[in-house]
C-alpha atoms as a PDB file:
ATOM      1  CA  UNK A   1     122.591  90.121  72.140  1.00  0.00           C
ATOM      2  CA  UNK A   2     120.100  88.087  73.026  1.00  0.00           C
ATOM      3  CA  UNK A   3     116.632  90.378  73.920  1.00  0.00           C
ATOM      4  CA  UNK A   4     114.754  90.663  76.795  1.00  0.00           C
ATOM      5  CA  UNK A   5     110.987  91.882  77.080  1.00  0.00           C
ATOM      6  CA  UNK A   6     111.512  95.191  78.557  1.00  0.00           C
ATOM      7  CA  UNK A   7     109.130  93.686  82.043  1.00  0.00           C
ATOM      8  CA  UNK A   8     110.827  93.548  85.299  1.00  0.00           C
ATOM      9  CA  UNK A   9     109.239  91.375  87.526  1.00  0.00           C
ATOM     10  CA  UNK A  10     111.335  92.617  91.674  1.00  0.00           C
ATOM     11  CA  UNK A  11     111.506  89.562  94.043  1.00  0.00           C
ATOM     12  CA  UNK A  12     112.477  91.523  97.316  1.00  0.00           C
ATOM     13  CA  UNK A  13     112.684  89.097 100.097  1.00  0.00           C
ATOM     14  CA  UNK A  14     110.110  89.176 103.415  1.00  0.00           C
ATOM     15  CA  UNK A  15     109.552  89.095 107.077  1.00  0.00           C
ATOM     16  CA  UNK A  16     105.923  88.411 106.408  1.00  0.00           C
ATOM     17  CA  UNK A  17     104.385  88.359 102.815  1.00  0.00           C
ATOM     18  CA  UNK A  18     100.769  88.700 102.775  1.00  0.00           C
ATOM     19  CA  UNK A  19     101.289  91.242 105.048  1.00  0.00           C
ATOM     20  CA  UNK A  20     103.859  93.020 102.382  1.00  0.00           C
ATOM     21  CA  UNK A  21     101.575  91.772 100.283  1.00  0.00           C
ATOM     22  CA  UNK A  22      98.582  93.780 101.648  1.00  0.00           C
ATOM     23  CA  UNK A  23     100.717  96.680 101.118  1.00  0.00           C
ATOM     24  CA  UNK A  24     101.976  96.863  97.991  1.00  0.00           C
ATOM     25  CA  UNK A  25      97.810  96.271  97.040  1.00  0.00           C
ATOM     26  CA  UNK A  26      96.694  99.154  98.929  1.00  0.00           C
ATOM     27  CA  UNK A  27      99.732 101.471  98.133  1.00  0.00           C
ATOM     28  CA  UNK A  28     100.298 100.707  94.440  1.00  0.00           C
ATOM     29  CA  UNK A  29      96.708  98.978  93.664  1.00  0.00           C
ATOM     30  CA  UNK A  30      98.755  95.835  92.506  1.00  0.00           C
ATOM     31  CA  UNK A  31      96.773  92.791  92.465  1.00  0.00           C
ATOM     32  CA  UNK A  32      97.584  89.005  93.800  1.00  0.00           C
ATOM     33  CA  UNK A  33      98.328  86.659  90.060  1.00  0.00           C
ATOM     34  CA  UNK A  34     100.079  83.713  92.892  1.00  0.00           C
ATOM     35  CA  UNK A  35     100.812  82.859  95.916  1.00  0.00           C
ATOM     36  CA  UNK A  36     102.640  79.148  97.619  1.00  0.00           C
ATOM     37  CA  UNK A  37     102.178  78.062  99.123  1.00  0.00           C
ATOM     38  CA  UNK A  38      98.431  78.570 100.480  1.00  0.00           C
ATOM     39  CA  UNK A  39      99.364  78.817 104.304  1.00  0.00           C
ATOM     40  CA  UNK A  40     102.787  80.293 104.751  1.00  0.00           C
ATOM     41  CA  UNK A  41     103.937  79.586 108.371  1.00  0.00           C
ATOM     42  CA  UNK A  42     107.403  78.484 110.525  1.00  0.00           C
ATOM     43  CA  UNK A  43     107.518  74.817 108.957  1.00  0.00           C
ATOM     44  CA  UNK A  44     107.585  75.703 105.099  1.00  0.00           C
ATOM     45  CA  UNK A  45     110.426  76.725 104.229  1.00  0.00           C
ATOM     46  CA  UNK A  46     109.976  78.789 101.320  1.00  0.00           C
ATOM     47  CA  UNK A  47     107.135  80.876 100.469  1.00  0.00           C
ATOM     48  CA  UNK A  48     106.142  84.153  98.215  1.00  0.00           C
ATOM     49  CA  UNK A  49     102.902  85.903  97.005  1.00  0.00           C
ATOM     50  CA  UNK A  50     103.541  88.193  93.325  1.00  0.00           C
ATOM     51  CA  UNK A  51     101.911  90.952  92.888  1.00  0.00           C
ATOM     52  CA  UNK A  52     100.657  92.815  89.148  1.00  0.00           C
ATOM     53  CA  UNK A  53     100.316  96.359  88.857  1.00  0.00           C
ATOM     54  CA  UNK A  54      97.515  95.450  86.091  1.00  0.00           C
ATOM     55  CA  UNK A  55      98.170  98.749  83.653  1.00  0.00           C
ATOM     56  CA  UNK A  56     101.708  97.954  83.640  1.00  0.00           C
ATOM     57  CA  UNK A  57     102.189  94.256  84.366  1.00  0.00           C
ATOM     58  CA  UNK A  58     104.867  95.151  86.683  1.00  0.00           C
ATOM     59  CA  UNK A  59     105.866  92.225  89.313  1.00  0.00           C
ATOM     60  CA  UNK A  60     107.144  92.258  92.381  1.00  0.00           C
ATOM     61  CA  UNK A  61     107.196  88.646  94.151  1.00  0.00           C
ATOM     62  CA  UNK A  62     107.359  88.901  97.849  1.00  0.00           C
ATOM     63  CA  UNK A  63     109.544  85.923  99.407  1.00  0.00           C
ATOM     64  CA  UNK A  64     109.750  84.423 102.794  1.00  0.00           C
ATOM     65  CA  UNK A  65     112.786  82.615 104.132  1.00  0.00           C
ATOM     66  CA  UNK A  66     111.699  80.609 106.462  1.00  0.00           C
ATOM     67  CA  UNK A  67     115.371  81.560 108.293  1.00  0.00           C
ATOM     68  CA  UNK A  68     114.981  84.930 107.556  1.00  0.00           C
ATOM     69  CA  UNK A  69     115.958  86.332 111.210  1.00  0.00           C
ATOM     70  CA  UNK A  70     113.404  88.959 110.914  1.00  0.00           C
ATOM     71  CA  UNK A  71     115.973  91.727 111.226  1.00  0.00           C
ATOM     72  CA  UNK A  72     114.825  94.976 108.360  1.00  0.00           C
ATOM     73  CA  UNK A  73     116.052  95.233 105.374  1.00  0.00           C
ATOM     74  CA  UNK A  74     118.643  98.236 104.698  1.00  0.00           C
ATOM     75  CA  UNK A  75     119.791  99.864 101.830  1.00  0.00           C
ATOM     76  CA  UNK A  76     123.508 100.485 103.255  1.00  0.00           C
ATOM     77  CA  UNK A  77     123.590  96.457 102.558  1.00  0.00           C
ATOM     78  CA  UNK A  78     125.182  95.195  99.126  1.00  0.00           C
ATOM     79  CA  UNK A  79     122.451  94.297  97.235  1.00  0.00           C
ATOM     80  CA  UNK A  80     119.063  96.420  97.301  1.00  0.00           C
ATOM     81  CA  UNK A  81     118.978  99.692  97.621  1.00  0.00           C
ATOM     82  CA  UNK A  82     115.829 101.265  96.632  1.00  0.00           C
ATOM     83  CA  UNK A  83     113.243 100.442  94.047  1.00  0.00           C
ATOM     84  CA  UNK A  84     111.992 103.384  92.176  1.00  0.00           C
ATOM     85  CA  UNK A  85     108.680 103.971  90.953  1.00  0.00           C
ATOM     86  CA  UNK A  86     109.155 106.820  87.556  1.00  0.00           C
ATOM     87  CA  UNK A  87     105.969 109.620  87.156  1.00  0.00           C
ATOM     88  CA  UNK A  88     105.750 111.330  83.972  1.00  0.00           C
ATOM     89  CA  UNK A  89     104.749 114.754  85.871  1.00  0.00           C
ATOM     90  CA  UNK A  90     105.696 116.599  87.720  1.00  0.00           C
ATOM     91  CA  UNK A  91     102.461 117.066  89.340  1.00  0.00           C
ATOM     92  CA  UNK A  92     101.988 112.698  89.973  1.00  0.00           C
ATOM     93  CA  UNK A  93     104.223 113.368  93.136  1.00  0.00           C
ATOM     94  CA  UNK A  94     102.070 115.375  94.834  1.00  0.00           C
ATOM     95  CA  UNK A  95      99.173 112.634  93.132  1.00  0.00           C
ATOM     96  CA  UNK A  96     100.961 110.940  95.103  1.00  0.00           C
ATOM     97  CA  UNK A  97     101.547 112.219  98.389  1.00  0.00           C
ATOM     98  CA  UNK A  98      98.314 113.011  98.174  1.00  0.00           C
ATOM     99  CA  UNK A  99      97.071 108.513  98.473  1.00  0.00           C
ATOM    100  CA  UNK A 100     100.185 108.279 100.543  1.00  0.00           C
ATOM    101  CA  UNK A 101      98.732 110.495 102.789  1.00  0.00           C
ATOM    102  CA  UNK A 102      95.307 108.393 102.902  1.00  0.00           C
ATOM    103  CA  UNK A 103      96.737 105.838 103.641  1.00  0.00           C
ATOM    104  CA  UNK A 104      99.110 106.862 106.362  1.00  0.00           C
ATOM    105  CA  UNK A 105     101.704 105.482 104.796  1.00  0.00           C
ATOM    106  CA  UNK A 106     105.380 107.335 106.336  1.00  0.00           C
ATOM    107  CA  UNK A 107     107.239 109.867 103.902  1.00  0.00           C
ATOM    108  CA  UNK A 108     110.085 112.092 102.587  1.00  0.00           C
ATOM    109  CA  UNK A 109     107.705 114.202 101.507  1.00  0.00           C
ATOM    110  CA  UNK A 110     108.337 116.225  97.627  1.00  0.00           C
ATOM    111  CA  UNK A 111     112.554 116.885  97.900  1.00  0.00           C
ATOM    112  CA  UNK A 112     114.428 118.373  95.596  1.00  0.00           C
ATOM    113  CA  UNK A 113     118.089 117.831  95.681  1.00  0.00           C
ATOM    114  CA  UNK A 114     119.894 120.844  95.073  1.00  0.00           C
ATOM    115  CA  UNK A 115     122.466 118.839  93.065  1.00  0.00           C
ATOM    116  CA  UNK A 116     119.390 118.465  90.138  1.00  0.00           C
ATOM    117  CA  UNK A 117     116.082 119.618  88.757  1.00  0.00           C
ATOM    118  CA  UNK A 118     114.864 116.414  89.788  1.00  0.00           C
ATOM    119  CA  UNK A 119     112.830 115.609  92.206  1.00  0.00           C
ATOM    120  CA  UNK A 120     111.529 112.313  94.561  1.00  0.00           C
ATOM    121  CA  UNK A 121     109.115 111.295  96.466  1.00  0.00           C
ATOM    122  CA  UNK A 122     110.307 108.436  99.200  1.00  0.00           C
ATOM    123  CA  UNK A 123     108.911 105.631 101.699  1.00  0.00           C
ATOM    124  CA  UNK A 124     109.756 102.375 102.480  1.00  0.00           C
ATOM    125  CA  UNK A 125     107.784  99.149 102.670  1.00  0.00           C
ATOM    126  CA  UNK A 126     106.610  97.222 106.523  1.00  0.00           C
ATOM    127  CA  UNK A 127     110.236  95.770 105.642  1.00  0.00           C
ATOM    128  CA  UNK A 128     111.429  99.027 105.399  1.00  0.00           C
ATOM    129  CA  UNK A 129     112.974  98.300 102.594  1.00  0.00           C
ATOM    130  CA  UNK A 130     113.009 102.081  99.868  1.00  0.00           C
ATOM    131  CA  UNK A 131     111.199 103.017  97.724  1.00  0.00           C
ATOM    132  CA  UNK A 132     110.857 106.174  95.359  1.00  0.00           C
ATOM    133  CA  UNK A 133     108.769 108.152  93.382  1.00  0.00           C
ATOM    134  CA  UNK A 134     110.489 109.304  90.680  1.00  0.00           C
ATOM    135  CA  UNK A 135     110.383 112.474  87.889  1.00  0.00           C
ATOM    136  CA  UNK A 136     112.804 112.924  85.736  1.00  0.00           C
ATOM    137  CA  UNK A 137     113.536 116.694  84.690  1.00  0.00           C
ATOM    138  CA  UNK A 138     113.212 117.419  81.248  1.00  0.00           C
END
């Protein structure tokens, strides 16, 4: 079987890549690595901004299509359900709560579902894409 690197580049369709890039930069400390075109406007059929988290090399590319009708994301349609960022320790979730609170980002608070020993913290980006910090109990 051919191999893959294990690195991930998630490409998300968004309404405004520049606004979303600011969100991902502030919340996850991501840095813009490239952008096309330089000016994203209504006469451009597609544009995107690609960001990288420097310590893990995780990439998130934010894609805008001129034909996007502008509706909010819903995990109840076929496609992406959510992006889950794994954390090493349960205490990391407390730190993420403080960080999101400092940025004024609404979130679920830390939840511990009754069907598992795991814990999670859910929030949404400007396009309502569900994001989650997740700790797996060992």
